[in-house]
Amino acid sequence: MVNWCGWGNENESYALDDHPFFLPFLEMKFKVRLSHRPPPEKPPQKIPASALKARTRKSLISIVGDDNFSEDGYLRLTHSRGKSYKDLVLLKDGHAGKIVDAVLFPRDEREILKILGMASKEFIEIIPFGGGTTVLGGVTPTKNPSLCVDMMHFKTLDLDEISHTATLDAGLRGPEIEERLVRNGFTLGHFPQSFEFSTLGGWVATRSAGQASTKYGKIEDMVLGLRMVTPKGIIKVLPHPASSTGPGLKNLYVGSEGIFGIITSATLRVKSIPKVRDYEGFFFKTFHEGIRAIRTFMQNGIAPAVVRLSDAEETAVSLALSQKKGITKEGLGSWFLQKSGFRCLLILGMEGNREEVTHESEVSRHAIKEFHGLGVGKSVGEAWMRERFRHPYLRDTLLDRGVMIDTLETVTSWNNLEELHRKTKEAIEKTIGKRNVRSIVMAHISHVYETGACLYFTFMAPQAKDKISQWEDVKSAATRTILEGGGALSHHHGVGADHAPFFIAEHGKEGAETVRRTKMLFDPSGILNPGKVLVRTRARKAKGN
């Protein structure tokens, strides 16, 4: 069962019993005692009643059927919140907030068209929903009446083994996609940290990046064609390998986050399953040397699957988390490396046939050696692979101990990377410090390119009494620093509601107006996921409901 106030499955957690040094490490850094606060056992009791009128309810049931319409309070609540820090803190504190009035489960595009037609006439908000893993407020309604359109029935996968493409329905989750592809010798190669719970439709709608995107590409690099239902009809982008037929409209729809229409399917390229996967760990004395090594091998034409370089702060936190009870080989090794000045960990993963992996390993190792990196073998890389989808559960564990913990990310060019890293960390530390609490601000390079890389920040601090204001101050300061420092608003988290106020700062008035007018063309009533990507403008009033 889904965890209504945390990550993933309700029966899974990240217990600290096997990580005895981690909590003392945090308490030493924060200079406070972190006491356990059990999460609430039940959702907020005061869930607002559905605002739908009887005739609206009857009309919707006539479209999707009784079994695919629900006004259940718990279901409406879990379909109105994502997994952002703000979402989870409010839920844990007993605040339901604004929620959708009903959840619909359409079975085909025809039913979606009817839902959108009816909603347009009655000015009912429509929120598309895949896995609900958004960390930027991407599924929360702005007003009532509102409806959530859950894509769980869209599960078809059609593999073209000759062309190496697959047409995937929007409701397919990561494990379902990989299981079906692997069965036939293929992989999509898309493994975001939300992989277990997020859907194809959500990936395409938010320009998702998988952890192996350096080799396989971000989702927009994989999409060849798609289908999207709008209030004005069905949009089709044919899955040609390439085209010069005017502007690339596909890229207008990928990343549209449900504000133009509801993506129902997409055709993507797939790859043969790699014969070899080789993941290793390396240490550098400085973040600077690690960056130079990565830039060198990326600009020498290789494309590892995973390139993940942690700065000194993140490496220290990772080592504190990984240490077990008693004296172990790994523990002694970590202690020795830290004492020897090796403070930045690189996870480097190669995938492909034996010749590819051998060549890429040789090129990367040469660059690593040039900048004084030290190899520590496969165990570190393999440990990261085992744990990579479990880390979001750790956030819940820390929230229950009164820790503000969140992430944000950006991307910039190599010549700006270290300066942006420094400035953003300083801005976060300074903002948190204004409330007289200590913080840990850390970062890693998560996705790399020939011309630059993504910086992924994590910040932690004891929660203040004004939890949401504390977080908003940090988020605002970091975002403004990133934009003023030449970074992108987002590399792969998207825009949602949280980044919408900053959208114009990156794209300018003309760019924002292009998006706004495109939305008006497809969605003249303004019903589709308002307040996401663009700051909501005044909507027309519903004439009864």
Protein backbone atom coordinates (compact mmCIF):
# COMPACT_ATOMS: atom_id res chain seq x y z
CA MET A 1 0.00 0.00 0.00
CA VAL A 2 1.25 3.49 -0.84
CA ASN A 3 2.74 5.52 2.02
CA TRP A 4 0.39 8.49 2.30
CA CYS A 5 2.90 10.70 4.19
CA GLY A 6 6.22 9.34 2.97
CA TRP A 7 8.05 7.69 0.15
CA GLY A 8 7.12 4.49 -1.64
CA ASN A 9 5.50 1.52 0.05
CA GLU A 10 4.01 1.86 3.51
CA ASN A 11 5.70 -1.32 4.79
CA GLU A 12 9.22 -0.26 3.79
CA SER A 13 11.57 2.04 5.68
CA TYR A 14 15.24 2.94 6.13
CA ALA A 15 16.04 1.80 9.64
CA LEU A 16 19.19 3.19 11.24
CA ASP A 17 19.91 0.09 13.37
CA ASP A 18 22.38 -1.14 10.77
CA HIS A 19 23.97 2.31 10.51
CA PRO A 20 25.03 3.01 14.11
CA PHE A 21 27.42 5.87 13.34
CA PHE A 22 25.08 7.94 11.19
CA LEU A 23 22.79 9.53 13.78
CA PRO A 24 25.67 10.44 16.13
CA PHE A 25 27.46 11.94 13.11
CA LEU A 26 24.46 14.20 12.37
CA GLU A 27 24.04 15.17 16.02
CA MET A 28 27.72 16.11 16.20
CA LYS A 29 27.34 18.29 13.09
CA PHE A 30 24.11 19.93 14.23
CA LYS A 31 25.06 20.20 17.92
CA VAL A 32 21.58 19.01 18.89
CA ARG A 33 19.91 15.81 20.05
CA LEU A 34 17.64 14.32 17.38
CA SER A 35 14.72 12.66 19.13
CA HIS A 36 12.37 10.30 17.33
CA ARG A 37 8.89 11.56 16.50
CA PRO A 38 6.69 8.70 15.26
CA PRO A 39 4.84 9.55 12.02
CA PRO A 40 1.05 9.82 12.26
CA GLU A 41 -0.72 6.48 12.01
CA LYS A 42 -3.72 7.84 10.13
CA PRO A 43 -4.31 10.54 7.50
CA PRO A 44 -5.81 13.87 8.57
CA GLN A 45 -9.37 13.41 9.80
CA LYS A 46 -10.69 16.62 8.28
CA ILE A 47 -10.56 15.73 4.60
CA PRO A 48 -12.85 18.13 2.74
CA ALA A 49 -15.99 16.60 1.27
CA SER A 50 -16.21 16.37 -2.50
CA ALA A 51 -17.53 19.58 -4.09
CA LEU A 52 -19.00 17.83 -7.13
CA LYS A 53 -22.67 18.35 -7.83
CA ALA A 54 -24.91 15.33 -8.36
CA ARG A 55 -25.34 15.94 -12.09
CA THR A 56 -21.57 16.26 -12.60
CA ARG A 57 -20.97 13.05 -10.68
CA LYS A 58 -23.59 11.26 -12.76
CA SER A 59 -22.09 12.50 -16.02
CA LEU A 60 -18.58 11.40 -15.05
CA ILE A 61 -19.76 7.94 -14.02
CA SER A 62 -21.52 7.62 -17.37
CA ILE A 63 -18.13 8.18 -19.05
CA VAL A 64 -15.81 5.93 -17.00
CA GLY A 65 -18.22 3.64 -15.13
CA ASP A 66 -18.84 3.14 -11.40
CA ASP A 67 -15.65 1.13 -10.88
CA ASN A 68 -13.46 3.86 -12.34
CA PHE A 69 -14.85 6.79 -10.36
CA SER A 70 -14.06 7.44 -6.71
CA GLU A 71 -14.76 10.15 -4.15
CA ASP A 72 -13.05 8.21 -1.36
CA GLY A 73 -11.30 10.68 0.94
CA TYR A 74 -8.06 8.70 1.33
CA LEU A 75 -7.76 8.12 -2.43
CA ARG A 76 -8.41 11.80 -3.16
CA LEU A 77 -5.79 12.83 -0.61
CA THR A 78 -3.08 10.55 -2.00
CA HIS A 79 -3.84 11.79 -5.53
CA SER A 80 -3.48 15.44 -4.52
CA ARG A 81 0.02 15.39 -3.09
CA GLY A 82 3.41 14.41 -4.47
CA LYS A 83 6.55 13.62 -2.50
CA SER A 84 8.04 17.07 -1.97
CA TYR A 85 9.34 18.19 1.41
CA LYS A 86 6.44 20.62 1.74
CA ASP A 87 3.86 17.95 0.82
CA LEU A 88 5.15 15.48 3.40
CA VAL A 89 5.64 17.99 6.23
CA LEU A 90 2.10 19.31 5.88
CA LEU A 91 0.65 15.79 5.81
CA LYS A 92 2.69 14.68 8.83
CA ASP A 93 1.43 17.76 10.69
CA GLY A 94 -2.17 16.82 9.93
CA HIS A 95 -2.98 19.32 7.17
CA ALA A 96 -4.96 17.90 4.25
CA GLY A 97 -5.07 21.20 2.37
CA LYS A 98 -6.78 21.50 -1.00
CA ILE A 99 -7.51 18.13 -2.60
CA VAL A 100 -9.23 16.91 -5.75
CA ASP A 101 -12.96 16.16 -5.59
CA ALA A 102 -12.79 12.81 -7.37
CA VAL A 103 -10.33 10.41 -8.95
CA LEU A 104 -11.08 9.01 -12.41
CA PHE A 105 -9.48 5.98 -14.07
CA PRO A 106 -10.22 6.28 -17.81
CA ARG A 107 -9.69 3.19 -19.96
CA ASP A 108 -8.94 4.77 -23.33
CA GLU A 109 -8.39 8.06 -25.16
CA ARG A 110 -12.06 8.36 -26.04
CA GLU A 111 -12.98 8.54 -22.37
CA ILE A 112 -10.27 11.14 -21.72
CA LEU A 113 -11.62 13.27 -24.57
CA LYS A 114 -15.09 13.16 -23.03
CA ILE A 115 -13.74 14.04 -19.58
CA LEU A 116 -11.83 17.01 -20.95
CA GLY A 117 -14.79 18.19 -23.01
CA MET A 118 -17.08 18.12 -20.00
CA ALA A 119 -14.50 19.73 -17.70
CA SER A 120 -13.88 22.53 -20.23
CA LYS A 121 -17.57 23.41 -20.33
CA GLU A 122 -17.90 23.40 -16.53
CA PHE A 123 -14.43 24.87 -15.74
CA ILE A 124 -13.34 21.89 -13.64
CA GLU A 125 -9.59 21.52 -13.07
CA ILE A 126 -7.97 18.38 -14.45
CA ILE A 127 -4.81 17.00 -12.84
CA PRO A 128 -3.07 14.18 -14.76
CA PHE A 129 -1.56 11.54 -12.46
CA GLY A 130 1.01 8.81 -13.05
CA GLY A 131 3.05 7.67 -10.05
CA GLY A 132 2.67 10.80 -7.93
CA THR A 133 6.42 11.08 -7.27
CA THR A 134 6.72 14.77 -8.15
CA VAL A 135 8.92 16.76 -5.77
CA LEU A 136 7.77 20.17 -7.06
CA GLY A 137 4.04 20.25 -6.34
CA GLY A 138 3.13 18.93 -9.78
CA VAL A 139 -0.19 17.25 -8.91
CA THR A 140 -1.80 19.55 -6.35
CA PRO A 141 -5.04 21.27 -7.41
CA THR A 142 -5.40 25.04 -7.14
CA LYS A 143 -9.17 25.22 -6.72
CA ASN A 144 -12.38 23.23 -6.53
CA PRO A 145 -14.03 21.59 -8.33
CA SER A 146 -11.09 19.54 -9.56
CA LEU A 147 -10.55 16.01 -10.85
CA CYS A 148 -7.54 13.72 -10.89
CA VAL A 149 -7.14 11.59 -14.03
CA ASP A 150 -5.15 8.51 -13.03
CA MET A 151 -3.56 6.68 -15.99
CA MET A 152 -3.28 3.26 -14.32
CA HIS A 153 -5.29 1.47 -17.05
CA PHE A 154 -2.88 2.53 -19.80
CA LYS A 155 -0.49 -0.43 -19.71
CA THR A 156 0.18 -1.60 -23.30
CA LEU A 157 3.75 -2.15 -24.55
CA ASP A 158 4.42 -2.90 -28.22
CA LEU A 159 8.04 -3.83 -29.01
CA ASP A 160 9.49 -3.51 -32.50
CA GLU A 161 12.58 -5.72 -32.32
CA ILE A 162 13.63 -4.89 -35.88
CA SER A 163 13.60 -1.09 -35.42
CA HIS A 164 14.69 -1.19 -31.76
CA THR A 165 11.70 0.87 -30.67
CA ALA A 166 8.88 0.33 -28.20
CA THR A 167 5.50 2.06 -27.99
CA LEU A 168 4.63 2.39 -24.32
CA ASP A 169 1.40 3.44 -22.64
CA ALA A 170 1.65 6.29 -20.15
CA GLY A 171 0.57 4.29 -17.10
CA LEU A 172 3.42 1.78 -17.23
CA ARG A 173 5.75 2.01 -14.23
CA GLY A 174 9.50 1.58 -14.41
CA PRO A 175 9.71 -2.07 -13.25
CA GLU A 176 6.87 -3.08 -15.59
CA ILE A 177 8.66 -1.52 -18.56
CA GLU A 178 12.02 -3.10 -17.81
CA GLU A 179 10.56 -6.52 -17.04
CA ARG A 180 8.78 -6.69 -20.40
CA LEU A 181 11.75 -5.34 -22.35
CA VAL A 182 14.36 -7.51 -20.61
CA ARG A 183 12.25 -10.57 -21.36
CA ASN A 184 12.94 -9.84 -25.04
CA GLY A 185 16.59 -8.85 -24.70
CA PHE A 186 16.18 -5.06 -24.49
CA THR A 187 16.34 -2.22 -21.97
CA LEU A 188 15.13 1.36 -21.98
CA GLY A 189 18.10 2.31 -19.81
CA HIS A 190 16.00 4.84 -17.87
CA PHE A 191 16.45 4.50 -14.09
CA PRO A 192 15.48 7.66 -12.17
CA GLN A 193 15.59 7.36 -8.39
CA SER A 194 11.78 7.18 -8.53
CA PHE A 195 12.04 4.22 -10.96
CA GLU A 196 9.97 1.80 -8.85
CA PHE A 197 6.95 4.10 -8.65
CA SER A 198 7.04 6.65 -11.49
CA THR A 199 5.46 6.12 -14.91
CA LEU A 200 6.33 6.57 -18.57
CA GLY A 201 3.83 9.42 -18.83
CA GLY A 202 5.39 11.22 -15.88
CA TRP A 203 8.89 10.77 -17.29
CA VAL A 204 7.92 12.28 -20.63
CA ALA A 205 5.85 15.06 -19.08
CA THR A 206 8.71 16.24 -16.84
CA ARG A 207 11.81 15.62 -19.00
CA SER A 208 13.05 12.99 -16.59
CA ALA A 209 16.69 11.83 -16.41
CA GLY A 210 17.70 8.34 -15.36
CA GLN A 211 20.82 7.64 -13.33
CA ALA A 212 22.39 6.08 -16.45
CA SER A 213 21.46 8.98 -18.73
CA THR A 214 25.08 9.81 -19.57
CA LYS A 215 25.03 6.70 -21.79
CA TYR A 216 21.34 6.26 -22.64
CA GLY A 217 20.23 9.89 -22.70
CA LYS A 218 17.47 11.76 -20.90
CA ILE A 219 13.90 10.80 -21.71
CA GLU A 220 13.60 13.48 -24.43
CA ASP A 221 16.56 11.87 -26.20
CA MET A 222 14.66 8.57 -26.30
CA VAL A 223 11.22 9.81 -27.40
CA LEU A 224 10.56 9.46 -31.14
CA GLY A 225 6.82 10.07 -31.16
CA LEU A 226 3.86 10.44 -28.81
CA ARG A 227 0.10 10.81 -28.46
CA MET A 228 -1.50 13.48 -26.26
CA VAL A 229 -5.19 14.14 -25.63
CA THR A 230 -6.17 17.82 -25.37
CA PRO A 231 -9.57 19.51 -25.01
CA LYS A 232 -9.24 20.34 -28.73
CA GLY A 233 -8.49 16.79 -29.86
CA ILE A 234 -5.67 14.26 -30.08
CA ILE A 235 -2.14 15.40 -30.89
CA LYS A 236 0.03 12.87 -32.75
CA VAL A 237 3.77 13.03 -33.33
CA LEU A 238 4.82 10.25 -35.70
CA PRO A 239 7.86 8.23 -34.56
CA HIS A 240 10.15 8.93 -37.49
CA PRO A 241 13.90 8.50 -36.87
CA ALA A 242 14.37 12.12 -37.99
CA SER A 243 12.45 14.89 -39.73
CA SER A 244 12.90 18.41 -41.12
CA THR A 245 9.19 19.17 -41.38
CA GLY A 246 9.21 22.54 -39.71
CA PRO A 247 9.89 23.20 -36.00
CA GLY A 248 10.29 20.19 -33.73
CA LEU A 249 6.85 20.10 -32.15
CA LYS A 250 7.68 16.94 -30.21
CA ASN A 251 9.93 18.98 -27.93
CA LEU A 252 7.06 21.36 -27.23
CA TYR A 253 5.01 18.51 -25.75
CA VAL A 254 7.79 16.65 -23.92
CA GLY A 255 8.15 18.47 -20.60
CA SER A 256 4.71 20.11 -20.81
CA GLU A 257 3.70 18.68 -17.39
CA GLY A 258 0.04 18.23 -18.26
CA ILE A 259 -0.70 21.88 -19.06
CA PHE A 260 -1.37 21.23 -22.79
CA GLY A 261 -2.92 17.79 -22.58
CA ILE A 262 -2.62 14.29 -21.17
CA ILE A 263 0.12 12.12 -22.69
CA THR A 264 -1.31 8.66 -23.35
CA SER A 265 1.58 6.88 -25.07
CA ALA A 266 5.03 7.42 -26.55
CA THR A 267 7.33 5.57 -28.92
CA LEU A 268 10.90 5.38 -27.63
CA ARG A 269 14.11 3.84 -28.84
CA VAL A 270 15.38 0.90 -26.83
CA LYS A 271 18.79 -0.75 -26.54
CA SER A 272 19.99 -4.33 -26.39
CA ILE A 273 20.76 -5.46 -22.85
CA PRO A 274 24.43 -4.73 -22.15
CA LYS A 275 26.54 -7.87 -21.92
CA VAL A 276 28.83 -6.30 -19.33
CA ARG A 277 28.13 -3.97 -16.40
CA ASP A 278 31.21 -2.74 -14.57
CA TYR A 279 30.74 -0.35 -11.61
CA GLU A 280 33.72 0.85 -9.59
CA GLY A 281 34.67 3.40 -6.96
CA PHE A 282 37.46 5.99 -7.05
CA PHE A 283 38.59 8.66 -4.60
CA PHE A 284 40.04 12.11 -5.28
CA LYS A 285 41.63 14.49 -2.84
CA THR A 286 39.58 17.42 -4.14
CA PHE A 287 36.31 18.01 -5.97
CA HIS A 288 38.30 20.10 -8.45
CA GLU A 289 40.53 17.17 -9.46
CA GLY A 290 37.55 14.87 -9.83
CA ILE A 291 35.79 17.38 -12.07
CA ARG A 292 38.86 17.76 -14.27
CA ALA A 293 39.16 14.00 -14.66
CA ILE A 294 35.51 13.64 -15.65
CA ARG A 295 35.68 16.53 -18.10
CA THR A 296 38.78 15.02 -19.66
CA PHE A 297 37.33 11.59 -20.35
CA MET A 298 33.95 12.99 -21.45
CA GLN A 299 35.65 15.25 -23.97
CA ASN A 300 37.64 12.27 -25.21
CA GLY A 301 34.44 10.79 -26.58
CA ILE A 302 33.38 8.11 -24.09
CA ALA A 303 29.96 7.78 -22.48
CA PRO A 304 29.88 5.87 -19.18
CA ALA A 305 26.45 4.82 -17.92
CA VAL A 306 26.92 6.42 -14.48
CA VAL A 307 29.28 9.21 -13.47
CA ARG A 308 28.60 10.36 -9.92
CA LEU A 309 31.17 12.51 -8.12
CA SER A 310 30.41 13.52 -4.52
CA ASP A 311 32.01 16.55 -2.91
CA ALA A 312 33.82 16.22 0.42
CA GLU A 313 30.71 16.87 2.52
CA GLU A 314 28.58 14.30 0.73
CA THR A 315 31.39 11.75 0.81
CA ALA A 316 31.73 12.19 4.58
CA VAL A 317 27.98 11.70 5.06
CA SER A 318 28.03 8.61 2.81
CA LEU A 319 30.90 7.07 4.75
CA ALA A 320 29.17 7.75 8.08
CA LEU A 321 26.05 6.05 6.72
CA SER A 322 27.93 3.04 5.35
CA GLN A 323 30.03 2.23 8.43
CA LYS A 324 28.92 -0.87 10.34
CA LYS A 325 29.46 -1.97 13.93
CA GLY A 326 32.91 -3.19 14.89
CA ILE A 327 36.14 -3.03 12.93
CA THR A 328 35.68 -3.96 9.29
CA LYS A 329 37.90 -3.88 6.24
CA GLU A 330 35.67 -1.25 4.66
CA GLY A 331 35.67 0.86 7.81
CA LEU A 332 39.45 0.80 8.09
CA GLY A 333 39.74 1.59 4.41
CA SER A 334 37.47 4.62 4.74
CA TRP A 335 39.39 5.85 7.76
CA PHE A 336 42.69 5.48 5.91
CA LEU A 337 41.43 7.32 2.83
CA GLN A 338 40.11 10.23 4.89
CA LYS A 339 43.38 10.46 6.84
CA SER A 340 45.30 10.38 3.55
CA GLY A 341 43.35 13.32 2.20
CA PHE A 342 41.12 11.45 -0.27
CA ARG A 343 37.77 13.10 0.40
CA CYS A 344 35.68 12.92 -2.81
CA LEU A 345 34.08 9.69 -4.02
CA LEU A 346 33.43 8.91 -7.69
CA ILE A 347 31.06 6.11 -8.75
CA LEU A 348 31.85 5.16 -12.34
CA GLY A 349 29.67 2.65 -14.18
CA MET A 350 30.35 1.22 -17.65
CA GLU A 351 27.83 -0.77 -19.67
CA GLY A 352 28.03 -2.39 -23.09
CA ASN A 353 29.88 -5.23 -24.76
CA ARG A 354 33.28 -6.30 -23.48
CA GLU A 355 35.21 -4.26 -26.07
CA GLU A 356 33.26 -1.06 -25.29
CA VAL A 357 33.65 -1.42 -21.54
CA THR A 358 37.35 -2.23 -21.82
CA HIS A 359 38.00 0.80 -24.04
CA GLU A 360 35.96 3.20 -21.89
CA SER A 361 37.61 1.91 -18.71
CA GLU A 362 41.06 2.49 -20.17
CA VAL A 363 40.27 6.06 -21.27
CA SER A 364 38.61 6.98 -17.98
CA ARG A 365 41.30 5.37 -15.84
CA HIS A 366 43.98 7.30 -17.71
CA ALA A 367 42.19 10.58 -16.91
CA ILE A 368 41.60 9.54 -13.30
CA LYS A 369 45.26 8.72 -12.86
CA GLU A 370 46.27 12.01 -14.48
CA PHE A 371 44.37 13.89 -11.77
CA HIS A 372 45.60 11.70 -8.89
CA GLY A 373 42.48 9.58 -8.42
CA LEU A 374 42.70 6.33 -6.48
CA GLY A 375 40.73 3.20 -7.41
CA VAL A 376 39.07 1.31 -4.56
CA GLY A 377 37.53 -1.58 -6.49
CA LYS A 378 34.08 -2.80 -7.39
CA SER A 379 32.53 -3.18 -3.93
CA VAL A 380 31.81 0.56 -3.61
CA GLY A 381 30.14 0.75 -7.01
CA GLU A 382 28.16 -2.43 -6.42
CA ALA A 383 27.01 -1.18 -3.00
CA TRP A 384 25.73 2.02 -4.60
CA MET A 385 23.81 -0.03 -7.20
CA ARG A 386 22.13 -2.07 -4.46
CA GLU A 387 21.09 0.98 -2.43
CA ARG A 388 20.25 3.50 -5.16
CA PHE A 389 16.46 3.17 -4.95
CA ARG A 390 16.37 3.01 -1.13
CA HIS A 391 17.80 6.43 -0.32
CA PRO A 392 14.43 8.29 -0.52
CA TYR A 393 13.26 6.21 2.45
CA LEU A 394 16.11 7.71 4.49
CA ARG A 395 14.51 11.11 4.07
CA ASP A 396 11.39 9.85 5.89
CA THR A 397 13.54 8.47 8.71
CA LEU A 398 15.21 11.85 9.15
CA LEU A 399 11.95 13.81 8.90
CA ASP A 400 10.70 11.72 11.83
CA ARG A 401 13.71 12.97 13.79
CA GLY A 402 13.02 16.62 13.13
CA VAL A 403 15.48 17.10 10.27
CA MET A 404 14.75 19.40 7.35
CA ILE A 405 16.12 17.48 4.36
CA ASP A 406 15.58 18.22 0.70
CA THR A 407 17.32 18.26 -2.66
CA LEU A 408 17.57 20.58 -5.64
CA GLU A 409 19.46 20.36 -8.89
CA THR A 410 20.73 22.41 -11.81
CA VAL A 411 23.02 22.10 -14.82
CA THR A 412 25.71 24.39 -16.16
CA SER A 413 28.84 24.44 -18.31
CA TRP A 414 32.20 23.09 -17.15
CA ASN A 415 33.75 26.56 -16.92
CA ASN A 416 31.02 27.64 -14.48
CA LEU A 417 30.52 24.43 -12.52
CA GLU A 418 32.81 24.95 -9.53
CA GLU A 419 31.82 28.58 -9.02
CA LEU A 420 28.12 27.68 -9.09
CA HIS A 421 28.76 24.80 -6.70
CA ARG A 422 30.46 27.15 -4.24
CA LYS A 423 27.93 29.98 -4.49
CA THR A 424 24.89 27.74 -4.13
CA LYS A 425 26.28 25.96 -1.08
CA GLU A 426 27.14 29.29 0.52
CA ALA A 427 23.65 30.68 -0.15
CA ILE A 428 21.99 27.63 1.43
CA GLU A 429 24.29 27.63 4.46
CA LYS A 430 23.83 31.35 5.02
CA THR A 431 20.03 31.14 4.77
CA ILE A 432 19.78 28.19 7.15
CA GLY A 433 22.16 29.91 9.57
CA LYS A 434 19.81 32.90 9.92
CA ARG A 435 17.67 30.75 12.23
CA ASN A 436 20.69 29.93 14.39
CA VAL A 437 20.84 26.28 13.40
CA ARG A 438 23.72 24.34 11.89
CA SER A 439 23.49 22.64 8.52
CA ILE A 440 25.03 20.08 6.23
CA VAL A 441 25.03 21.17 2.60
CA MET A 442 26.45 18.70 0.13
CA ALA A 443 26.40 18.02 -3.59
CA HIS A 444 27.36 15.60 -6.30
CA ILE A 445 27.68 15.62 -10.06
CA SER A 446 24.93 13.27 -11.24
CA HIS A 447 24.74 13.54 -15.05
CA VAL A 448 27.54 14.66 -17.33
CA TYR A 449 27.96 15.90 -20.87
CA GLU A 450 30.79 16.94 -23.13
CA THR A 451 30.04 20.61 -22.35
CA GLY A 452 28.96 20.53 -18.71
CA ALA A 453 27.25 18.66 -15.89
CA CYS A 454 24.34 18.51 -13.48
CA LEU A 455 24.91 19.55 -9.86
CA TYR A 456 22.61 17.83 -7.37
CA PHE A 457 22.45 19.42 -3.90
CA THR A 458 21.17 17.96 -0.64
CA PHE A 459 20.72 20.11 2.47
CA MET A 460 19.97 19.06 6.03
CA ALA A 461 19.39 20.99 9.25
CA PRO A 462 17.29 20.76 12.40
CA GLN A 463 13.75 21.88 11.65
CA ALA A 464 12.71 25.30 12.94
CA LYS A 465 9.27 25.88 14.42
CA ASP A 466 8.19 27.51 11.17
CA LYS A 467 9.08 24.45 9.09
CA ILE A 468 7.55 25.54 5.81
CA SER A 469 8.88 29.11 5.97
CA GLN A 470 12.32 27.75 6.80
CA TRP A 471 12.24 25.53 3.71
CA GLU A 472 10.78 28.25 1.47
CA ASP A 473 13.57 30.66 2.44
CA VAL A 474 16.22 28.07 1.55
CA LYS A 475 14.54 27.09 -1.70
CA SER A 476 14.15 30.69 -2.81
CA ALA A 477 17.72 31.69 -1.93
CA ALA A 478 19.20 28.65 -3.67
CA THR A 479 17.05 29.05 -6.78
CA ARG A 480 17.89 32.74 -7.17
CA THR A 481 21.59 32.01 -6.70
CA ILE A 482 21.45 29.29 -9.35
CA LEU A 483 19.68 31.48 -11.89
CA GLU A 484 21.87 34.51 -11.23
CA GLY A 485 24.93 32.26 -11.37
CA GLY A 486 24.20 30.91 -14.84
CA GLY A 487 22.58 27.58 -13.94
CA ALA A 488 19.34 26.14 -15.32
CA LEU A 489 16.20 26.22 -13.19
CA SER A 490 16.08 22.43 -13.38
CA HIS A 491 17.95 19.59 -15.06
CA HIS A 492 15.45 16.78 -14.44
CA HIS A 493 13.01 17.53 -11.61
CA GLY A 494 10.87 19.74 -13.85
CA VAL A 495 8.97 22.92 -12.99
CA GLY A 496 5.72 22.02 -11.23
CA ALA A 497 4.27 24.67 -8.93
CA ASP A 498 7.41 25.31 -6.88
CA HIS A 499 9.54 26.45 -9.83
CA ALA A 500 6.74 28.18 -11.75
CA PRO A 501 7.44 31.65 -10.26
CA PHE A 502 11.02 31.40 -11.63
CA PHE A 503 10.16 30.10 -15.13
CA ILE A 504 10.26 33.54 -16.71
CA ALA A 505 13.72 34.22 -15.24
CA GLU A 506 15.20 31.46 -17.40
CA HIS A 507 13.07 31.75 -20.55
CA GLY A 508 12.29 35.46 -20.60
CA LYS A 509 8.93 37.15 -21.19
CA GLU A 510 8.77 36.06 -24.81
CA GLY A 511 9.50 32.43 -23.98
CA ALA A 512 6.91 32.37 -21.21
CA GLU A 513 4.37 34.02 -23.50
CA THR A 514 5.01 31.34 -26.16
CA VAL A 515 4.13 28.65 -23.62
CA ARG A 516 1.12 30.61 -22.35
CA ARG A 517 -0.33 31.11 -25.83
CA THR A 518 0.25 27.46 -26.72
CA LYS A 519 -1.70 26.47 -23.62
CA MET A 520 -4.55 28.80 -24.63
CA LEU A 521 -4.62 27.14 -28.06
CA PHE A 522 -4.99 23.61 -26.68
CA ASP A 523 -6.79 24.47 -23.44
CA PRO A 524 -8.81 27.69 -23.87
CA SER A 525 -10.74 27.12 -20.62
CA GLY A 526 -7.50 26.82 -18.62
CA ILE A 527 -8.50 23.57 -16.92
CA LEU A 528 -5.33 21.49 -17.43
CA ASN A 529 -3.00 21.39 -14.40
CA PRO A 530 -3.14 25.15 -13.75
CA GLY A 531 -0.36 26.75 -11.75
CA LYS A 532 2.26 24.31 -13.03
CA VAL A 533 5.13 25.53 -15.28
CA LEU A 534 3.50 28.97 -15.51
CA VAL A 535 2.19 31.03 -12.62
CA ARG A 536 -1.57 30.79 -12.75
CA THR A 537 -3.44 33.72 -14.23
CA ARG A 538 -6.97 34.62 -13.24
CA ALA A 539 -9.32 31.88 -14.48
CA ARG A 540 -12.82 32.31 -15.77
CA LYS A 541 -15.48 31.53 -13.21
CA ALA A 542 -17.50 28.37 -13.53
CA LYS A 543 -21.13 28.95 -14.37
CA GLY A 544 -22.53 26.59 -11.80
CA ASN A 545 -21.48 22.99 -11.34
